[in-house]
Amino acid sequence: MFQIRIHGRGGQGVVSAAEMLSVAAFLEGKHAQAVPSFGSERMGAPVVAFCRINEKEIRLREPVLEPDALVVLDPTLFSAIDVFNGLHPGGYLLINTGRTVESLGITEAIKDLPPPHVCCVPATELALKYVHRPVPNAALLGAMAAITDIIHLEAVLQAISTKFPGPVGEANCTAAKAAYERV
């Protein structure tokens, strides 16, 4: 089973990202589960969501404590909570930023991850360019398809279009494709 934990802040699309990721996996014939988890429901509050993807039925319902991949929509969370807790050595890390890992001050926390498994993508910039809103979730799903083989871009684009039909979905698909190409 491949387990993903998505960290961000309220209003960034964390829960929608987990949902779209699970839909993309389902579209590829896999079993998937998306689970949101948040405390205070307000813009800017820390939010975490989980996604599990497997070839067979998923019976777990608890939070993902040992993720195979972390998706971080807001790198300011690195100084607020222990985002890396439980991440498997050899896991994946996808960060919404145009900065380098060194400038984020997380080099020690990710020392066991293979360099190709760590990826920084300016997803908010891409969202602003194509969607005209600072919501990086769809762009990061495109990047996730590029760094892992757990889902593919075509399924991600179809999941985005299902969640956001019409022009909004098209713009988010363009952002996801741009992130995929950047990676």
Protein backbone atom coordinates (compact mmCIF):
# COMPACT_ATOMS: atom_id res chain seq x y z
CA MET A 1 0.00 0.00 0.00
CA PHE A 2 1.24 3.50 -0.87
CA GLN A 3 0.34 6.10 1.78
CA ILE A 4 0.44 9.88 1.28
CA ARG A 5 0.15 12.61 3.90
CA ILE A 6 -0.67 16.10 2.66
CA HIS A 7 0.11 19.12 4.84
CA GLY A 8 -1.04 22.66 4.25
CA ARG A 9 -3.21 25.44 5.57
CA GLY A 10 -6.93 26.00 5.34
CA GLY A 11 -7.86 27.38 1.92
CA GLN A 12 -4.96 25.80 0.00
CA GLY A 13 -6.93 22.79 -1.17
CA VAL A 14 -5.39 20.09 1.04
CA VAL A 15 -8.60 18.06 1.37
CA SER A 16 -9.42 18.46 -2.33
CA ALA A 17 -5.90 17.30 -3.21
CA ALA A 18 -6.40 14.05 -1.28
CA GLU A 19 -9.79 13.54 -2.91
CA MET A 20 -8.49 14.15 -6.43
CA LEU A 21 -5.49 11.89 -5.80
CA SER A 22 -7.77 9.07 -4.71
CA VAL A 23 -10.05 9.60 -7.73
CA ALA A 24 -7.00 9.49 -10.04
CA ALA A 25 -5.95 6.17 -8.50
CA PHE A 26 -9.49 4.81 -8.82
CA LEU A 27 -9.54 5.82 -12.49
CA GLU A 28 -6.43 3.68 -12.96
CA GLY A 29 -8.21 0.66 -11.50
CA LYS A 30 -6.71 0.87 -8.02
CA HIS A 31 -8.34 1.00 -4.63
CA ALA A 32 -8.01 4.38 -2.95
CA GLN A 33 -9.07 6.23 0.14
CA ALA A 34 -8.98 9.94 1.02
CA VAL A 35 -9.34 11.03 4.65
CA PRO A 36 -9.35 14.66 5.82
CA SER A 37 -8.25 15.69 9.30
CA PHE A 38 -8.46 19.20 10.63
CA GLY A 39 -9.10 21.03 13.87
CA SER A 40 -10.31 24.58 13.63
CA GLU A 41 -11.99 25.07 10.29
CA ARG A 42 -10.61 28.45 9.28
CA MET A 43 -8.44 29.91 6.59
CA GLY A 44 -4.76 29.61 7.43
CA ALA A 45 -5.08 26.94 10.13
CA PRO A 46 -2.89 23.85 9.68
CA VAL A 47 -4.71 21.08 7.81
CA VAL A 48 -3.65 17.54 7.03
CA ALA A 49 -5.27 14.99 4.75
CA PHE A 50 -4.37 11.43 3.93
CA CYS A 51 -4.59 9.25 0.85
CA ARG A 52 -3.99 5.54 0.53
CA ILE A 53 -3.59 3.75 -2.79
CA ASN A 54 -3.44 -0.02 -3.18
CA GLU A 55 -4.03 -2.82 -5.65
CA LYS A 56 -6.47 -4.47 -3.24
CA GLU A 57 -9.20 -3.32 -0.88
CA ILE A 58 -8.13 -0.90 1.86
CA ARG A 59 -9.53 -1.63 5.31
CA LEU A 60 -7.53 0.88 7.36
CA ARG A 61 -9.32 4.02 8.51
CA GLU A 62 -6.80 5.66 10.79
CA PRO A 63 -4.52 8.60 9.95
CA VAL A 64 -1.36 7.91 7.95
CA LEU A 65 1.42 7.83 10.54
CA GLU A 66 4.15 6.35 8.33
CA PRO A 67 3.74 7.93 4.88
CA ASP A 68 5.52 6.81 1.75
CA ALA A 69 5.13 10.36 0.45
CA LEU A 70 4.66 13.82 1.93
CA VAL A 71 3.12 16.68 0.01
CA VAL A 72 3.67 20.05 1.68
CA LEU A 73 1.54 22.92 0.37
CA ASP A 74 2.97 25.45 2.83
CA PRO A 75 6.66 25.20 3.79
CA THR A 76 6.14 27.54 6.79
CA LEU A 77 4.73 24.43 8.48
CA PHE A 78 8.28 23.04 8.79
CA SER A 79 8.84 25.39 11.74
CA ALA A 80 5.36 24.89 13.21
CA ILE A 81 4.89 21.10 13.30
CA ASP A 82 6.92 17.93 12.75
CA VAL A 83 5.91 17.38 9.13
CA PHE A 84 8.53 14.65 8.63
CA ASN A 85 7.36 12.44 11.50
CA GLY A 86 7.14 8.82 10.33
CA LEU A 87 8.30 9.41 6.74
CA HIS A 88 9.85 6.24 5.37
CA PRO A 89 13.54 6.39 4.45
CA GLY A 90 13.44 6.27 0.69
CA GLY A 91 10.07 8.05 0.69
CA TYR A 92 9.03 11.00 -1.44
CA LEU A 93 8.82 14.68 -0.52
CA LEU A 94 7.04 17.22 -2.68
CA ILE A 95 7.17 20.86 -1.51
CA ASN A 96 5.30 23.87 -2.85
CA THR A 97 8.15 26.36 -3.12
CA GLY A 98 10.49 28.03 -5.55
CA ARG A 99 13.24 27.91 -2.92
CA THR A 100 15.92 25.28 -2.47
CA VAL A 101 15.85 22.58 0.18
CA GLU A 102 18.97 24.12 1.74
CA SER A 103 17.31 27.52 2.10
CA LEU A 104 14.30 25.88 3.78
CA GLY A 105 16.59 24.50 6.51
CA ILE A 106 15.35 20.91 6.20
CA THR A 107 18.52 19.22 4.93
CA GLU A 108 19.03 17.18 8.10
CA ALA A 109 15.38 16.05 8.21
CA ILE A 110 15.55 14.64 4.68
CA LYS A 111 19.07 13.21 4.66
CA ASP A 112 17.79 9.62 4.23
CA LEU A 113 15.66 10.42 1.17
CA PRO A 114 17.11 9.71 -2.28
CA PRO A 115 17.72 13.06 -4.04
CA PRO A 116 15.36 12.23 -6.95
CA HIS A 117 12.58 11.69 -4.38
CA VAL A 118 12.77 15.29 -3.14
CA CYS A 119 11.15 17.88 -5.33
CA CYS A 120 10.42 21.59 -4.96
CA VAL A 121 7.81 23.03 -7.32
CA PRO A 122 6.50 26.63 -7.24
CA ALA A 123 2.90 25.39 -7.38
CA THR A 124 1.37 28.58 -6.00
CA GLU A 125 3.10 30.57 -8.74
CA LEU A 126 1.75 28.15 -11.35
CA ALA A 127 -1.74 28.36 -9.85
CA LEU A 128 -1.63 32.15 -9.91
CA LYS A 129 -0.45 32.12 -13.52
CA TYR A 130 -3.06 29.67 -14.82
CA VAL A 131 -5.93 29.59 -12.30
CA HIS A 132 -5.55 33.19 -11.06
CA ARG A 133 -5.92 31.99 -7.46
CA PRO A 134 -3.23 30.93 -4.93
CA VAL A 135 -4.45 27.32 -4.66
CA PRO A 136 -1.49 24.98 -5.36
CA ASN A 137 -3.19 21.59 -4.98
CA ALA A 138 -3.83 20.66 -8.63
CA ALA A 139 -0.35 21.72 -9.71
CA LEU A 140 1.20 19.57 -6.98
CA LEU A 141 -0.78 16.55 -8.16
CA GLY A 142 0.79 16.98 -11.58
CA ALA A 143 4.20 17.05 -9.89
CA MET A 144 3.28 13.95 -7.87
CA ALA A 145 2.59 12.09 -11.11
CA ALA A 146 6.03 13.11 -12.35
CA ILE A 147 8.07 11.98 -9.32
CA THR A 148 6.24 8.73 -8.52
CA ASP A 149 4.80 5.97 -10.61
CA ILE A 150 1.84 5.56 -8.28
CA ILE A 151 -0.44 7.67 -10.52
CA HIS A 152 -0.15 9.02 -14.03
CA LEU A 153 -0.78 12.49 -15.41
CA GLU A 154 -3.75 11.44 -17.55
CA ALA A 155 -5.63 10.14 -14.50
CA VAL A 156 -4.73 13.27 -12.51
CA LEU A 157 -6.10 15.50 -15.27
CA GLN A 158 -9.30 13.48 -15.45
CA ALA A 159 -9.72 13.67 -11.65
CA ILE A 160 -9.18 17.45 -11.71
CA SER A 161 -11.73 17.84 -14.51
CA THR A 162 -14.24 15.77 -12.54
CA LYS A 163 -13.77 17.87 -9.39
CA PHE A 164 -13.73 21.20 -11.24
CA PRO A 165 -15.68 21.01 -14.51
CA GLY A 166 -15.44 23.79 -17.08
CA PRO A 167 -12.93 26.64 -17.26
CA VAL A 168 -11.76 26.25 -13.65
CA GLY A 169 -10.91 22.61 -14.27
CA GLU A 170 -9.17 23.44 -17.54
CA ALA A 171 -7.04 26.07 -15.81
CA ASN A 172 -6.14 23.65 -13.00
CA CYS A 173 -5.25 20.99 -15.58
CA THR A 174 -2.94 23.48 -17.28
CA ALA A 175 -1.25 24.18 -13.93
CA ALA A 176 -0.89 20.44 -13.27
CA LYS A 177 0.65 19.89 -16.72
CA ALA A 178 3.06 22.80 -16.15
CA ALA A 179 4.17 21.32 -12.80
CA TYR A 180 4.57 17.89 -14.40
CA GLU A 181 6.77 19.39 -17.10
CA ARG A 182 8.86 21.33 -14.56
CA VAL A 183 9.66 18.14 -12.67
